[in-house]
C-alpha atoms as a PDB file:
ATOM      1  CA  MET A   1       0.000   0.000   0.000  1.00  0.00           C
ATOM      2  CA  ALA A   2       1.075   3.562  -0.612  1.00  0.00           C
ATOM      3  CA  PRO A   3      -0.503   6.970  -0.052  1.00  0.00           C
ATOM      4  CA  ALA A   4      -3.202   8.044  -2.491  1.00  0.00           C
ATOM      5  CA  LYS A   5      -1.873   9.751  -5.612  1.00  0.00           C
ATOM      6  CA  THR A   6       1.553   8.124  -5.343  1.00  0.00           C
ATOM      7  CA  PRO A   7       2.977   8.347  -8.871  1.00  0.00           C
ATOM      8  CA  VAL A   8       2.500   5.149 -10.897  1.00  0.00           C
ATOM      9  CA  PRO A   9       6.236   4.685 -11.564  1.00  0.00           C
ATOM     10  CA  VAL A  10       6.882   4.786  -7.802  1.00  0.00           C
ATOM     11  CA  VAL A  11       4.143   2.222  -7.122  1.00  0.00           C
ATOM     12  CA  GLU A  12       5.517  -0.025  -9.869  1.00  0.00           C
ATOM     13  CA  ARG A  13       9.055   0.200  -8.489  1.00  0.00           C
ATOM     14  CA  LEU A  14       7.873  -0.550  -4.960  1.00  0.00           C
ATOM     15  CA  ASN A  15       5.962  -3.535  -6.298  1.00  0.00           C
ATOM     16  CA  VAL A  16       9.040  -4.926  -8.056  1.00  0.00           C
ATOM     17  CA  GLU A  17      11.310  -4.440  -5.046  1.00  0.00           C
ATOM     18  CA  VAL A  18       8.861  -5.896  -2.509  1.00  0.00           C
ATOM     19  CA  ALA A  19       8.297  -8.919  -4.776  1.00  0.00           C
ATOM     20  CA  LYS A  20      12.069  -9.494  -4.868  1.00  0.00           C
ATOM     21  CA  VAL A  21      12.285  -9.415  -1.079  1.00  0.00           C
ATOM     22  CA  MET A  22       9.277 -11.712  -0.644  1.00  0.00           C
ATOM     23  CA  ALA A  23      10.736 -14.243  -3.102  1.00  0.00           C
ATOM     24  CA  LYS A  24      14.018 -14.674  -1.214  1.00  0.00           C
ATOM     25  CA  GLY A  25      14.218 -18.077   0.449  1.00  0.00           C
ATOM     26  CA  ALA A  26      14.315 -17.115   4.121  1.00  0.00           C
ATOM     27  CA  ASN A  27      11.750 -14.330   3.708  1.00  0.00           C
ATOM     28  CA  ARG A  28       9.369 -16.592   1.792  1.00  0.00           C
ATOM     29  CA  GLU A  29       9.773 -19.379   4.341  1.00  0.00           C
ATOM     30  CA  ARG A  30       9.039 -16.973   7.195  1.00  0.00           C
ATOM     31  CA  LEU A  31       5.903 -15.660   5.495  1.00  0.00           C
ATOM     32  CA  VAL A  32       4.667 -19.189   4.779  1.00  0.00           C
ATOM     33  CA  SER A  33       5.376 -20.258   8.375  1.00  0.00           C
ATOM     34  CA  GLU A  34       3.165 -17.365   9.508  1.00  0.00           C
ATOM     35  CA  GLY A  35       0.335 -18.509   7.249  1.00  0.00           C
ATOM     36  CA  VAL A  36       0.955 -16.024   4.440  1.00  0.00           C
ATOM     37  CA  GLU A  37       1.234 -17.264   0.873  1.00  0.00           C
ATOM     38  CA  PRO A  38       3.210 -14.671  -1.078  1.00  0.00           C
ATOM     39  CA  ALA A  39       1.314 -13.859  -4.261  1.00  0.00           C
ATOM     40  CA  PRO A  40       3.120 -11.178  -6.210  1.00  0.00           C
ATOM     41  CA  GLY A  41       1.123  -9.304  -8.826  1.00  0.00           C
ATOM     42  CA  THR A  42       0.378  -5.852 -10.105  1.00  0.00           C
ATOM     43  CA  ALA A  43      -1.078  -2.932  -8.188  1.00  0.00           C
ATOM     44  CA  ALA A  44      -4.296  -3.528 -10.136  1.00  0.00           C
ATOM     45  CA  ASP A  45      -4.334  -7.166  -8.982  1.00  0.00           C
ATOM     46  CA  PHE A  46      -3.967  -6.037  -5.381  1.00  0.00           C
ATOM     47  CA  ALA A  47      -6.712  -3.415  -5.735  1.00  0.00           C
ATOM     48  CA  ALA A  48      -9.063  -6.039  -7.189  1.00  0.00           C
ATOM     49  CA  MET A  49      -8.278  -8.443  -4.347  1.00  0.00           C
ATOM     50  CA  LEU A  50      -8.985  -5.709  -1.785  1.00  0.00           C
ATOM     51  CA  ARG A  51     -12.314  -4.840  -3.438  1.00  0.00           C
ATOM     52  CA  ASN A  52     -13.315  -8.515  -3.366  1.00  0.00           C
ATOM     53  CA  GLU A  53     -12.315  -8.926   0.279  1.00  0.00           C
ATOM     54  CA  ILE A  54     -14.173  -5.768   1.329  1.00  0.00           C
ATOM     55  CA  ALA A  55     -17.308  -6.950  -0.481  1.00  0.00           C
ATOM     56  CA  LYS A  56     -17.059 -10.469   0.967  1.00  0.00           C
ATOM     57  CA  TRP A  57     -16.421  -9.452   4.560  1.00  0.00           C
ATOM     58  CA  GLY A  58     -18.850  -6.526   4.367  1.00  0.00           C
ATOM     59  CA  LYS A  59     -21.567  -9.017   3.440  1.00  0.00           C
ATOM     60  CA  VAL A  60     -20.596 -11.261   6.347  1.00  0.00           C
ATOM     61  CA  GLY A  61     -20.696  -8.294   8.721  1.00  0.00           C
ATOM     62  CA  LYS A  62     -24.193  -7.338   7.549  1.00  0.00           C
ATOM     63  CA  GLU A  63     -25.436 -10.939   7.795  1.00  0.00           C
ATOM     64  CA  ILE A  64     -24.343 -11.215  11.416  1.00  0.00           C
ATOM     65  CA  GLY A  65     -25.530  -7.714  12.307  1.00  0.00           C
ATOM     66  CA  LEU A  66     -22.073  -6.319  13.046  1.00  0.00           C
ATOM     67  CA  LYS A  67     -22.185  -2.668  14.077  1.00  0.00           C
ATOM     68  CA  LEU A  68     -19.209  -0.370  14.504  1.00  0.00           C
ATOM     69  CA  ASP A  69     -19.233   2.337  17.149  1.00  0.00           C
END
Protein backbone atom coordinates (compact mmCIF):
# COMPACT_ATOMS: atom_id res chain seq x y z
CA MET A 1 0.00 0.00 0.00
CA ALA A 2 1.08 3.56 -0.61
CA PRO A 3 -0.50 6.97 -0.05
CA ALA A 4 -3.20 8.04 -2.49
CA LYS A 5 -1.87 9.75 -5.61
CA THR A 6 1.55 8.12 -5.34
CA PRO A 7 2.98 8.35 -8.87
CA VAL A 8 2.50 5.15 -10.90
CA PRO A 9 6.24 4.69 -11.56
CA VAL A 10 6.88 4.79 -7.80
CA VAL A 11 4.14 2.22 -7.12
CA GLU A 12 5.52 -0.03 -9.87
CA ARG A 13 9.05 0.20 -8.49
CA LEU A 14 7.87 -0.55 -4.96
CA ASN A 15 5.96 -3.53 -6.30
CA VAL A 16 9.04 -4.93 -8.06
CA GLU A 17 11.31 -4.44 -5.05
CA VAL A 18 8.86 -5.90 -2.51
CA ALA A 19 8.30 -8.92 -4.78
CA LYS A 20 12.07 -9.49 -4.87
CA VAL A 21 12.28 -9.41 -1.08
CA MET A 22 9.28 -11.71 -0.64
CA ALA A 23 10.74 -14.24 -3.10
CA LYS A 24 14.02 -14.67 -1.21
CA GLY A 25 14.22 -18.08 0.45
CA ALA A 26 14.32 -17.11 4.12
CA ASN A 27 11.75 -14.33 3.71
CA ARG A 28 9.37 -16.59 1.79
CA GLU A 29 9.77 -19.38 4.34
CA ARG A 30 9.04 -16.97 7.20
CA LEU A 31 5.90 -15.66 5.50
CA VAL A 32 4.67 -19.19 4.78
CA SER A 33 5.38 -20.26 8.37
CA GLU A 34 3.16 -17.37 9.51
CA GLY A 35 0.33 -18.51 7.25
CA VAL A 36 0.96 -16.02 4.44
CA GLU A 37 1.23 -17.26 0.87
CA PRO A 38 3.21 -14.67 -1.08
CA ALA A 39 1.31 -13.86 -4.26
CA PRO A 40 3.12 -11.18 -6.21
CA GLY A 41 1.12 -9.30 -8.83
CA THR A 42 0.38 -5.85 -10.11
CA ALA A 43 -1.08 -2.93 -8.19
CA ALA A 44 -4.30 -3.53 -10.14
CA ASP A 45 -4.33 -7.17 -8.98
CA PHE A 46 -3.97 -6.04 -5.38
CA ALA A 47 -6.71 -3.41 -5.74
CA ALA A 48 -9.06 -6.04 -7.19
CA MET A 49 -8.28 -8.44 -4.35
CA LEU A 50 -8.98 -5.71 -1.78
CA ARG A 51 -12.31 -4.84 -3.44
CA ASN A 52 -13.31 -8.51 -3.37
CA GLU A 53 -12.32 -8.93 0.28
CA ILE A 54 -14.17 -5.77 1.33
CA ALA A 55 -17.31 -6.95 -0.48
CA LYS A 56 -17.06 -10.47 0.97
CA TRP A 57 -16.42 -9.45 4.56
CA GLY A 58 -18.85 -6.53 4.37
CA LYS A 59 -21.57 -9.02 3.44
CA VAL A 60 -20.60 -11.26 6.35
CA GLY A 61 -20.70 -8.29 8.72
CA LYS A 62 -24.19 -7.34 7.55
CA GLU A 63 -25.44 -10.94 7.79
CA ILE A 64 -24.34 -11.21 11.42
CA GLY A 65 -25.53 -7.71 12.31
CA LEU A 66 -22.07 -6.32 13.05
CA LYS A 67 -22.18 -2.67 14.08
CA LEU A 68 -19.21 -0.37 14.50
CA ASP A 69 -19.23 2.34 17.15
